């Protein structure tokens, strides 16, 4: 098992090296602008990517907000199970994110989605809606890219198709986005 663990770590290091630092830095500026202009930030995904979105909004909403001295207005659309299941039951699972955006989102808001395949119909539909309603759409996807990478305002492609390593990289990107504000608050407020 030690060899297998070492191989997993080695391959993850290779994946990390494919994350474009310039793109992540652009995203930080997008979030900074949203913060300064009092826009909302929505995150969503499926499965492990959904968990990463919940973790991201927790860190942004608590840790980054504390460091900045006022709150980021952020919400993971994965976290209201009652609403999601009602939408899925009464409409379709493809609508679980877009129907929430219809209630909350405004032009200028930012949407962040994590997906390994890049083709999740519920995420694609929400990105299409966001683009049509003046939002900025950001996605982190795996090497298959999918429809989400084509539609998004900005896409970060993690060059792997391995679900674990792509989701590990999503978490890393999310942490970088949040810690940019936690560890550089004075610069970010300027």
C-alpha atoms as a PDB file:
ATOM      1  CA  UNK A   1       0.000   0.000   0.000  1.00  0.00           C
ATOM      2  CA  UNK A   2       2.858   2.395   0.677  1.00  0.00           C
ATOM      3  CA  UNK A   3       3.813   2.305  -3.002  1.00  0.00           C
ATOM      4  CA  UNK A   4       0.201   2.945  -4.014  1.00  0.00           C
ATOM      5  CA  UNK A   5       0.009   5.923  -1.620  1.00  0.00           C
ATOM      6  CA  UNK A   6       3.280   7.327  -2.953  1.00  0.00           C
ATOM      7  CA  UNK A   7       1.960   6.957  -6.504  1.00  0.00           C
ATOM      8  CA  UNK A   8      -1.302   8.744  -5.641  1.00  0.00           C
ATOM      9  CA  UNK A   9       0.668  11.630  -4.118  1.00  0.00           C
ATOM     10  CA  UNK A  10       3.033  11.756  -7.109  1.00  0.00           C
ATOM     11  CA  UNK A  11       0.139  11.884  -9.557  1.00  0.00           C
ATOM     12  CA  UNK A  12      -1.616  14.568  -7.517  1.00  0.00           C
ATOM     13  CA  UNK A  13       1.537  16.697  -7.589  1.00  0.00           C
ATOM     14  CA  UNK A  14       1.496  16.374 -11.391  1.00  0.00           C
ATOM     15  CA  UNK A  15      -2.160  17.458 -11.448  1.00  0.00           C
ATOM     16  CA  UNK A  16      -1.435  20.466  -9.207  1.00  0.00           C
ATOM     17  CA  UNK A  17       1.228  21.606 -11.649  1.00  0.00           C
ATOM     18  CA  UNK A  18      -1.450  21.902 -14.373  1.00  0.00           C
ATOM     19  CA  UNK A  19      -3.519  24.454 -12.430  1.00  0.00           C
ATOM     20  CA  UNK A  20      -2.906  27.822 -14.111  1.00  0.00           C
ATOM     21  CA  UNK A  21      -1.862  30.294 -11.399  1.00  0.00           C
ATOM     22  CA  UNK A  22      -2.752  33.221 -13.665  1.00  0.00           C
ATOM     23  CA  UNK A  23      -6.345  31.995 -13.958  1.00  0.00           C
ATOM     24  CA  UNK A  24      -6.699  31.532 -10.207  1.00  0.00           C
ATOM     25  CA  UNK A  25      -5.334  35.060  -9.701  1.00  0.00           C
ATOM     26  CA  UNK A  26      -7.977  36.357 -12.163  1.00  0.00           C
ATOM     27  CA  UNK A  27     -10.675  34.620 -10.147  1.00  0.00           C
ATOM     28  CA  UNK A  28      -9.415  36.279  -6.969  1.00  0.00           C
ATOM     29  CA  UNK A  29      -9.875  39.656  -8.661  1.00  0.00           C
ATOM     30  CA  UNK A  30     -13.395  38.663  -9.774  1.00  0.00           C
ATOM     31  CA  UNK A  31     -14.271  37.769  -6.184  1.00  0.00           C
ATOM     32  CA  UNK A  32     -12.647  40.971  -4.939  1.00  0.00           C
ATOM     33  CA  UNK A  33     -14.786  43.022  -7.332  1.00  0.00           C
ATOM     34  CA  UNK A  34     -17.933  41.147  -6.269  1.00  0.00           C
ATOM     35  CA  UNK A  35     -17.060  41.802  -2.625  1.00  0.00           C
ATOM     36  CA  UNK A  36     -16.468  45.522  -3.189  1.00  0.00           C
ATOM     37  CA  UNK A  37     -19.679  45.873  -5.203  1.00  0.00           C
ATOM     38  CA  UNK A  38     -21.731  43.861  -2.682  1.00  0.00           C
ATOM     39  CA  UNK A  39     -22.607  41.112  -5.160  1.00  0.00           C
ATOM     40  CA  UNK A  40     -23.433  37.547  -4.187  1.00  0.00           C
ATOM     41  CA  UNK A  41     -21.316  34.467  -4.874  1.00  0.00           C
ATOM     42  CA  UNK A  42     -23.074  31.158  -5.486  1.00  0.00           C
ATOM     43  CA  UNK A  43     -21.362  27.765  -5.595  1.00  0.00           C
ATOM     44  CA  UNK A  44     -22.697  24.360  -6.607  1.00  0.00           C
ATOM     45  CA  UNK A  45     -21.763  20.922  -7.868  1.00  0.00           C
ATOM     46  CA  UNK A  46     -22.698  17.254  -7.511  1.00  0.00           C
ATOM     47  CA  UNK A  47     -21.316  14.567  -5.198  1.00  0.00           C
ATOM     48  CA  UNK A  48     -17.810  15.299  -3.930  1.00  0.00           C
ATOM     49  CA  UNK A  49     -17.832  18.540  -5.909  1.00  0.00           C
ATOM     50  CA  UNK A  50     -20.946  19.578  -3.955  1.00  0.00           C
ATOM     51  CA  UNK A  51     -19.063  19.004  -0.708  1.00  0.00           C
ATOM     52  CA  UNK A  52     -16.192  21.099  -2.013  1.00  0.00           C
ATOM     53  CA  UNK A  53     -18.650  23.917  -2.803  1.00  0.00           C
ATOM     54  CA  UNK A  54     -20.034  23.762   0.737  1.00  0.00           C
ATOM     55  CA  UNK A  55     -16.511  23.880   2.148  1.00  0.00           C
ATOM     56  CA  UNK A  56     -15.588  26.789  -0.142  1.00  0.00           C
ATOM     57  CA  UNK A  57     -18.584  28.919   0.892  1.00  0.00           C
ATOM     58  CA  UNK A  58     -17.950  28.095   4.551  1.00  0.00           C
ATOM     59  CA  UNK A  59     -14.368  29.347   4.297  1.00  0.00           C
ATOM     60  CA  UNK A  60     -15.316  32.404   2.209  1.00  0.00           C
ATOM     61  CA  UNK A  61     -18.350  33.292   4.326  1.00  0.00           C
ATOM     62  CA  UNK A  62     -16.604  32.865   7.667  1.00  0.00           C
ATOM     63  CA  UNK A  63     -12.823  33.033   7.414  1.00  0.00           C
ATOM     64  CA  UNK A  64     -12.476  35.466   4.516  1.00  0.00           C
ATOM     65  CA  UNK A  65     -15.292  37.659   5.830  1.00  0.00           C
ATOM     66  CA  UNK A  66     -13.702  37.897   9.287  1.00  0.00           C
ATOM     67  CA  UNK A  67     -10.347  38.872   7.780  1.00  0.00           C
ATOM     68  CA  UNK A  68     -11.929  41.443   5.469  1.00  0.00           C
ATOM     69  CA  UNK A  69     -14.006  42.975   8.264  1.00  0.00           C
ATOM     70  CA  UNK A  70     -17.350  42.635   6.491  1.00  0.00           C
ATOM     71  CA  UNK A  71     -19.120  39.672   4.951  1.00  0.00           C
ATOM     72  CA  UNK A  72     -18.870  38.019   1.601  1.00  0.00           C
ATOM     73  CA  UNK A  73     -22.435  37.286   0.517  1.00  0.00           C
ATOM     74  CA  UNK A  74     -22.056  33.659  -0.500  1.00  0.00           C
ATOM     75  CA  UNK A  75     -24.195  30.572  -0.628  1.00  0.00           C
ATOM     76  CA  UNK A  76     -23.710  26.958  -1.610  1.00  0.00           C
ATOM     77  CA  UNK A  77     -26.812  25.920  -3.547  1.00  0.00           C
ATOM     78  CA  UNK A  78     -26.166  22.340  -2.384  1.00  0.00           C
ATOM     79  CA  UNK A  79     -26.965  23.028   1.233  1.00  0.00           C
ATOM     80  CA  UNK A  80     -30.774  23.322   1.287  1.00  0.00           C
ATOM     81  CA  UNK A  81     -31.761  19.665   0.978  1.00  0.00           C
ATOM     82  CA  UNK A  82     -35.483  20.293   1.439  1.00  0.00           C
ATOM     83  CA  UNK A  83     -35.551  22.836  -1.372  1.00  0.00           C
ATOM     84  CA  UNK A  84     -33.378  20.709  -3.676  1.00  0.00           C
ATOM     85  CA  UNK A  85     -35.531  17.623  -3.201  1.00  0.00           C
ATOM     86  CA  UNK A  86     -38.750  19.601  -3.699  1.00  0.00           C
ATOM     87  CA  UNK A  87     -37.422  21.037  -6.963  1.00  0.00           C
ATOM     88  CA  UNK A  88     -36.177  17.634  -8.125  1.00  0.00           C
ATOM     89  CA  UNK A  89     -39.494  15.994  -7.251  1.00  0.00           C
ATOM     90  CA  UNK A  90     -41.827  18.669  -8.639  1.00  0.00           C
ATOM     91  CA  UNK A  91     -39.782  19.698 -11.687  1.00  0.00           C
ATOM     92  CA  UNK A  92     -36.581  17.769 -12.420  1.00  0.00           C
ATOM     93  CA  UNK A  93     -33.119  17.245 -11.013  1.00  0.00           C
ATOM     94  CA  UNK A  94     -31.802  19.421 -13.848  1.00  0.00           C
ATOM     95  CA  UNK A  95     -33.582  22.374 -12.195  1.00  0.00           C
ATOM     96  CA  UNK A  96     -32.194  22.074  -8.636  1.00  0.00           C
ATOM     97  CA  UNK A  97     -29.695  24.921  -9.091  1.00  0.00           C
ATOM     98  CA  UNK A  98     -31.352  27.124 -11.691  1.00  0.00           C
ATOM     99  CA  UNK A  99     -34.609  27.375  -9.693  1.00  0.00           C
ATOM    100  CA  UNK A 100     -32.644  28.613  -6.676  1.00  0.00           C
ATOM    101  CA  UNK A 101     -30.789  31.143  -8.809  1.00  0.00           C
ATOM    102  CA  UNK A 102     -34.122  32.429 -10.065  1.00  0.00           C
ATOM    103  CA  UNK A 103     -34.978  33.302  -6.441  1.00  0.00           C
ATOM    104  CA  UNK A 104     -31.636  34.788  -5.389  1.00  0.00           C
ATOM    105  CA  UNK A 105     -29.393  35.892  -8.241  1.00  0.00           C
ATOM    106  CA  UNK A 106     -28.979  39.344  -9.738  1.00  0.00           C
ATOM    107  CA  UNK A 107     -26.868  40.704 -12.598  1.00  0.00           C
ATOM    108  CA  UNK A 108     -23.263  41.135 -11.465  1.00  0.00           C
ATOM    109  CA  UNK A 109     -23.378  38.161  -9.110  1.00  0.00           C
ATOM    110  CA  UNK A 110     -20.787  35.384  -9.451  1.00  0.00           C
ATOM    111  CA  UNK A 111     -21.444  31.706  -9.939  1.00  0.00           C
ATOM    112  CA  UNK A 112     -18.778  29.069  -9.192  1.00  0.00           C
ATOM    113  CA  UNK A 113     -19.281  25.437 -10.102  1.00  0.00           C
ATOM    114  CA  UNK A 114     -17.036  22.445  -9.526  1.00  0.00           C
ATOM    115  CA  UNK A 115     -17.427  19.380 -11.751  1.00  0.00           C
ATOM    116  CA  UNK A 116     -15.181  16.520 -12.785  1.00  0.00           C
ATOM    117  CA  UNK A 117     -17.033  15.663 -16.012  1.00  0.00           C
ATOM    118  CA  UNK A 118     -18.039  19.193 -16.948  1.00  0.00           C
ATOM    119  CA  UNK A 119     -21.297  17.831 -18.349  1.00  0.00           C
ATOM    120  CA  UNK A 120     -23.671  17.616 -15.386  1.00  0.00           C
ATOM    121  CA  UNK A 121     -27.041  18.712 -16.852  1.00  0.00           C
ATOM    122  CA  UNK A 122     -28.085  20.586 -13.690  1.00  0.00           C
ATOM    123  CA  UNK A 123     -24.821  22.568 -13.671  1.00  0.00           C
ATOM    124  CA  UNK A 124     -24.932  23.239 -17.417  1.00  0.00           C
ATOM    125  CA  UNK A 125     -28.492  24.560 -17.143  1.00  0.00           C
ATOM    126  CA  UNK A 126     -27.555  26.873 -14.264  1.00  0.00           C
ATOM    127  CA  UNK A 127     -24.549  28.243 -16.155  1.00  0.00           C
ATOM    128  CA  UNK A 128     -26.706  28.912 -19.209  1.00  0.00           C
ATOM    129  CA  UNK A 129     -29.208  30.751 -17.004  1.00  0.00           C
ATOM    130  CA  UNK A 130     -26.481  32.744 -15.237  1.00  0.00           C
ATOM    131  CA  UNK A 131     -24.903  33.827 -18.520  1.00  0.00           C
ATOM    132  CA  UNK A 132     -28.294  34.957 -19.832  1.00  0.00           C
ATOM    133  CA  UNK A 133     -28.899  37.001 -16.679  1.00  0.00           C
ATOM    134  CA  UNK A 134     -25.689  39.027 -16.417  1.00  0.00           C
ATOM    135  CA  UNK A 135     -23.744  36.861 -13.997  1.00  0.00           C
ATOM    136  CA  UNK A 136     -20.082  35.870 -14.194  1.00  0.00           C
ATOM    137  CA  UNK A 137     -19.749  32.075 -14.412  1.00  0.00           C
ATOM    138  CA  UNK A 138     -16.589  30.327 -13.215  1.00  0.00           C
ATOM    139  CA  UNK A 139     -15.982  26.576 -13.387  1.00  0.00           C
ATOM    140  CA  UNK A 140     -13.315  24.130 -12.274  1.00  0.00           C
ATOM    141  CA  UNK A 141     -13.574  20.985 -14.401  1.00  0.00           C
ATOM    142  CA  UNK A 142     -11.567  17.867 -15.119  1.00  0.00           C
ATOM    143  CA  UNK A 143      -9.653  17.114 -18.313  1.00  0.00           C
ATOM    144  CA  UNK A 144     -12.770  16.156 -20.277  1.00  0.00           C
ATOM    145  CA  UNK A 145     -13.798  19.828 -19.959  1.00  0.00           C
ATOM    146  CA  UNK A 146     -17.345  19.230 -21.106  1.00  0.00           C
ATOM    147  CA  UNK A 147     -20.067  21.715 -21.896  1.00  0.00           C
ATOM    148  CA  UNK A 148     -19.462  23.675 -18.704  1.00  0.00           C
ATOM    149  CA  UNK A 149     -15.973  24.725 -19.823  1.00  0.00           C
ATOM    150  CA  UNK A 150     -17.400  25.885 -23.158  1.00  0.00           C
ATOM    151  CA  UNK A 151     -20.150  27.959 -21.559  1.00  0.00           C
ATOM    152  CA  UNK A 152     -18.408  29.505 -18.560  1.00  0.00           C
ATOM    153  CA  UNK A 153     -17.064  33.028 -18.517  1.00  0.00           C
ATOM    154  CA  UNK A 154     -13.806  31.528 -17.167  1.00  0.00           C
ATOM    155  CA  UNK A 155     -12.793  27.888 -16.787  1.00  0.00           C
ATOM    156  CA  UNK A 156      -9.950  26.250 -14.924  1.00  0.00           C
ATOM    157  CA  UNK A 157      -9.218  22.807 -16.330  1.00  0.00           C
ATOM    158  CA  UNK A 158      -7.575  20.286 -14.021  1.00  0.00           C
ATOM    159  CA  UNK A 159      -5.681  17.966 -16.357  1.00  0.00           C
ATOM    160  CA  UNK A 160      -6.913  14.669 -14.967  1.00  0.00           C
ATOM    161  CA  UNK A 161      -9.970  12.454 -15.316  1.00  0.00           C
ATOM    162  CA  UNK A 162      -9.434  10.800 -11.921  1.00  0.00           C
ATOM    163  CA  UNK A 163     -12.341  11.886  -9.718  1.00  0.00           C
ATOM    164  CA  UNK A 164     -10.329  11.942  -6.495  1.00  0.00           C
ATOM    165  CA  UNK A 165      -7.456  13.993  -7.864  1.00  0.00           C
ATOM    166  CA  UNK A 166      -9.755  16.475  -9.648  1.00  0.00           C
ATOM    167  CA  UNK A 167     -11.792  16.919  -6.466  1.00  0.00           C
ATOM    168  CA  UNK A 168      -8.550  17.312  -4.475  1.00  0.00           C
ATOM    169  CA  UNK A 169      -7.564  20.071  -6.916  1.00  0.00           C
ATOM    170  CA  UNK A 170     -10.993  21.728  -6.616  1.00  0.00           C
ATOM    171  CA  UNK A 171     -10.473  21.937  -2.870  1.00  0.00           C
ATOM    172  CA  UNK A 172      -7.053  23.453  -3.403  1.00  0.00           C
ATOM    173  CA  UNK A 173      -8.412  26.108  -5.778  1.00  0.00           C
ATOM    174  CA  UNK A 174     -11.178  26.887  -3.294  1.00  0.00           C
ATOM    175  CA  UNK A 175      -8.676  27.261  -0.477  1.00  0.00           C
ATOM    176  CA  UNK A 176      -6.446  29.536  -2.562  1.00  0.00           C
ATOM    177  CA  UNK A 177      -9.442  31.752  -3.387  1.00  0.00           C
ATOM    178  CA  UNK A 178     -10.398  32.045   0.294  1.00  0.00           C
ATOM    179  CA  UNK A 179      -6.918  32.348   1.770  1.00  0.00           C
ATOM    180  CA  UNK A 180      -6.074  35.115  -0.709  1.00  0.00           C
ATOM    181  CA  UNK A 181      -8.469  37.239   1.357  1.00  0.00           C
ATOM    182  CA  UNK A 182      -7.628  35.744   4.750  1.00  0.00           C
ATOM    183  CA  UNK A 183      -3.893  36.315   4.361  1.00  0.00           C
ATOM    184  CA  UNK A 184      -3.902  39.520   2.278  1.00  0.00           C
ATOM    185  CA  UNK A 185      -6.875  41.443   3.678  1.00  0.00           C
ATOM    186  CA  UNK A 186      -5.144  44.842   3.776  1.00  0.00           C
ATOM    187  CA  UNK A 187      -4.174  44.589   0.130  1.00  0.00           C
ATOM    188  CA  UNK A 188      -7.612  43.278  -0.856  1.00  0.00           C
ATOM    189  CA  UNK A 189      -9.428  46.142   0.875  1.00  0.00           C
ATOM    190  CA  UNK A 190      -7.404  48.754  -1.022  1.00  0.00           C
END
